[in-house]
């Protein structure tokens, strides 16, 4: 890592459907903050293609309808309802998200919510975004 100027990294993998193995090495920043398997890192657009492949495989198996609204899927995942402050969220479909046609949630400055609220788990981060953020366009 040092040879290539990489401060730190994380990796996770599964073998034969077993529990994932997660590891972190190095530092999250130049201030010496250590990386762990739970560290949140900016992976930017790399995650988009990984997510798209996973969702499209689910769609091929008939487990996800690309034209269904995404909000009920999120509510089903967490076993509860969410109350987005922006009513347009109700019509955003899985396909919209994959095609980046949902309008996207506005960031505060150049900082995504996951870095503003690092203490929140996925469920509560989604809740915070739905409550406090609006879609950027129609």
Protein backbone atom coordinates (compact mmCIF):
# COMPACT_ATOMS: atom_id res chain seq x y z
CA UNK A 1 0.00 0.00 0.00
CA UNK A 2 2.75 2.41 0.94
CA UNK A 3 4.50 1.85 -2.41
CA UNK A 4 1.37 3.01 -4.25
CA UNK A 5 0.48 5.89 -1.91
CA UNK A 6 -2.57 4.14 -0.46
CA UNK A 7 -3.32 5.20 3.11
CA UNK A 8 -5.73 2.38 3.86
CA UNK A 9 -8.32 -0.02 2.55
CA UNK A 10 -11.00 -2.49 3.53
CA UNK A 11 -12.07 -5.75 1.96
CA UNK A 12 -14.92 -8.19 2.45
CA UNK A 13 -15.60 -11.52 0.85
CA UNK A 14 -17.76 -14.62 1.22
CA UNK A 15 -16.88 -18.19 0.29
CA UNK A 16 -19.59 -20.75 -0.42
CA UNK A 17 -22.29 -18.64 1.25
CA UNK A 18 -20.51 -18.53 4.61
CA UNK A 19 -20.41 -15.47 6.84
CA UNK A 20 -18.47 -12.63 5.23
CA UNK A 21 -14.90 -12.04 6.28
CA UNK A 22 -14.15 -8.33 6.68
CA UNK A 23 -10.82 -6.63 7.30
CA UNK A 24 -9.39 -3.14 7.35
CA UNK A 25 -5.77 -2.07 6.96
CA UNK A 26 -3.98 1.25 7.32
CA UNK A 27 -5.44 4.68 7.91
CA UNK A 28 -8.63 6.51 6.92
CA UNK A 29 -6.83 9.84 6.61
CA UNK A 30 -3.50 11.54 7.09
CA UNK A 31 -4.38 12.33 10.73
CA UNK A 32 -3.71 8.70 11.63
CA UNK A 33 -7.30 7.51 12.12
CA UNK A 34 -7.10 3.71 11.79
CA UNK A 35 -9.36 1.84 9.40
CA UNK A 36 -11.44 -1.05 10.66
CA UNK A 37 -13.84 -3.41 8.89
CA UNK A 38 -16.67 -1.05 9.95
CA UNK A 39 -15.08 2.12 8.51
CA UNK A 40 -17.13 4.09 6.02
CA UNK A 41 -15.05 5.02 3.03
CA UNK A 42 -15.80 7.15 -0.01
CA UNK A 43 -15.96 4.64 -2.82
CA UNK A 44 -17.86 7.04 -5.07
CA UNK A 45 -19.11 5.60 -8.32
CA UNK A 46 -17.51 2.19 -7.84
CA UNK A 47 -20.55 1.09 -5.84
CA UNK A 48 -22.98 2.02 -8.63
CA UNK A 49 -22.00 -0.80 -10.96
CA UNK A 50 -21.81 -3.35 -8.13
CA UNK A 51 -25.27 -2.34 -6.91
CA UNK A 52 -26.71 -2.37 -10.44
CA UNK A 53 -25.48 -5.91 -11.09
CA UNK A 54 -26.91 -7.14 -7.79
CA UNK A 55 -30.30 -5.50 -8.39
CA UNK A 56 -30.51 -6.72 -12.00
CA UNK A 57 -29.74 -10.28 -10.89
CA UNK A 58 -32.60 -10.03 -8.39
CA UNK A 59 -34.86 -8.72 -11.17
CA UNK A 60 -33.88 -11.64 -13.45
CA UNK A 61 -34.94 -14.03 -10.69
CA UNK A 62 -38.26 -12.20 -10.31
CA UNK A 63 -37.41 -11.02 -6.80
CA UNK A 64 -37.46 -7.30 -7.64
CA UNK A 65 -39.69 -5.43 -10.07
CA UNK A 66 -37.68 -2.57 -11.57
CA UNK A 67 -40.84 -0.51 -12.03
CA UNK A 68 -42.06 -0.81 -8.47
CA UNK A 69 -41.68 2.09 -6.05
CA UNK A 70 -38.56 1.78 -3.92
CA UNK A 71 -40.07 3.12 -0.68
CA UNK A 72 -42.16 -0.01 0.09
CA UNK A 73 -39.07 -2.16 -0.56
CA UNK A 74 -37.07 -0.16 1.96
CA UNK A 75 -39.94 -0.30 4.44
CA UNK A 76 -40.18 -4.07 3.96
CA UNK A 77 -36.42 -4.44 4.50
CA UNK A 78 -36.55 -2.64 7.84
CA UNK A 79 -40.03 -3.78 8.91
CA UNK A 80 -41.33 -0.27 9.47
CA UNK A 81 -42.66 2.77 7.63
CA UNK A 82 -40.72 5.91 6.79
CA UNK A 83 -42.18 9.39 6.37
CA UNK A 84 -40.19 11.25 3.69
CA UNK A 85 -40.54 15.01 3.87
CA UNK A 86 -40.51 15.13 0.05
CA UNK A 87 -43.73 13.60 -1.33
CA UNK A 88 -42.03 12.87 -4.67
CA UNK A 89 -40.14 10.02 -3.02
CA UNK A 90 -43.33 7.91 -3.22
CA UNK A 91 -43.08 7.67 -7.03
CA UNK A 92 -39.35 6.91 -7.28
CA UNK A 93 -38.92 3.40 -8.68
CA UNK A 94 -36.03 0.98 -8.55
CA UNK A 95 -35.46 1.70 -12.25
CA UNK A 96 -35.26 5.45 -11.52
CA UNK A 97 -32.54 4.80 -8.97
CA UNK A 98 -30.56 2.57 -11.33
CA UNK A 99 -30.84 5.13 -14.15
CA UNK A 100 -30.13 8.10 -11.86
CA UNK A 101 -33.51 9.58 -12.77
CA UNK A 102 -34.82 9.94 -9.23
CA UNK A 103 -33.47 13.46 -8.90
CA UNK A 104 -31.04 12.38 -6.20
CA UNK A 105 -30.91 13.72 -2.68
CA UNK A 106 -29.15 17.00 -2.20
CA UNK A 107 -25.93 16.90 -0.20
CA UNK A 108 -25.05 19.54 2.33
CA UNK A 109 -22.12 21.16 0.64
CA UNK A 110 -20.07 18.36 -0.83
CA UNK A 111 -20.64 15.98 2.03
CA UNK A 112 -23.05 13.03 1.80
CA UNK A 113 -25.27 12.32 4.81
CA UNK A 114 -23.35 9.15 5.69
CA UNK A 115 -20.35 11.31 6.58
CA UNK A 116 -22.36 13.98 8.39
CA UNK A 117 -23.98 11.32 10.60
CA UNK A 118 -21.34 8.57 10.89
CA UNK A 119 -22.89 7.30 14.13
CA UNK A 120 -26.12 6.23 12.40
CA UNK A 121 -26.74 2.69 11.17
CA UNK A 122 -28.34 2.13 7.75
CA UNK A 123 -31.93 2.27 8.97
CA UNK A 124 -31.52 5.51 10.90
CA UNK A 125 -29.42 7.11 8.15
CA UNK A 126 -32.23 6.41 5.65
CA UNK A 127 -34.72 7.85 8.12
CA UNK A 128 -32.58 11.00 8.52
CA UNK A 129 -32.24 11.48 4.75
CA UNK A 130 -35.99 11.00 4.20
CA UNK A 131 -36.81 13.47 6.98
CA UNK A 132 -34.28 16.21 6.28
CA UNK A 133 -33.30 16.01 2.60
CA UNK A 134 -35.28 16.72 -0.55
CA UNK A 135 -34.88 15.49 -4.09
CA UNK A 136 -32.81 17.84 -6.23
CA UNK A 137 -35.13 17.86 -9.27
CA UNK A 138 -38.53 16.70 -10.52
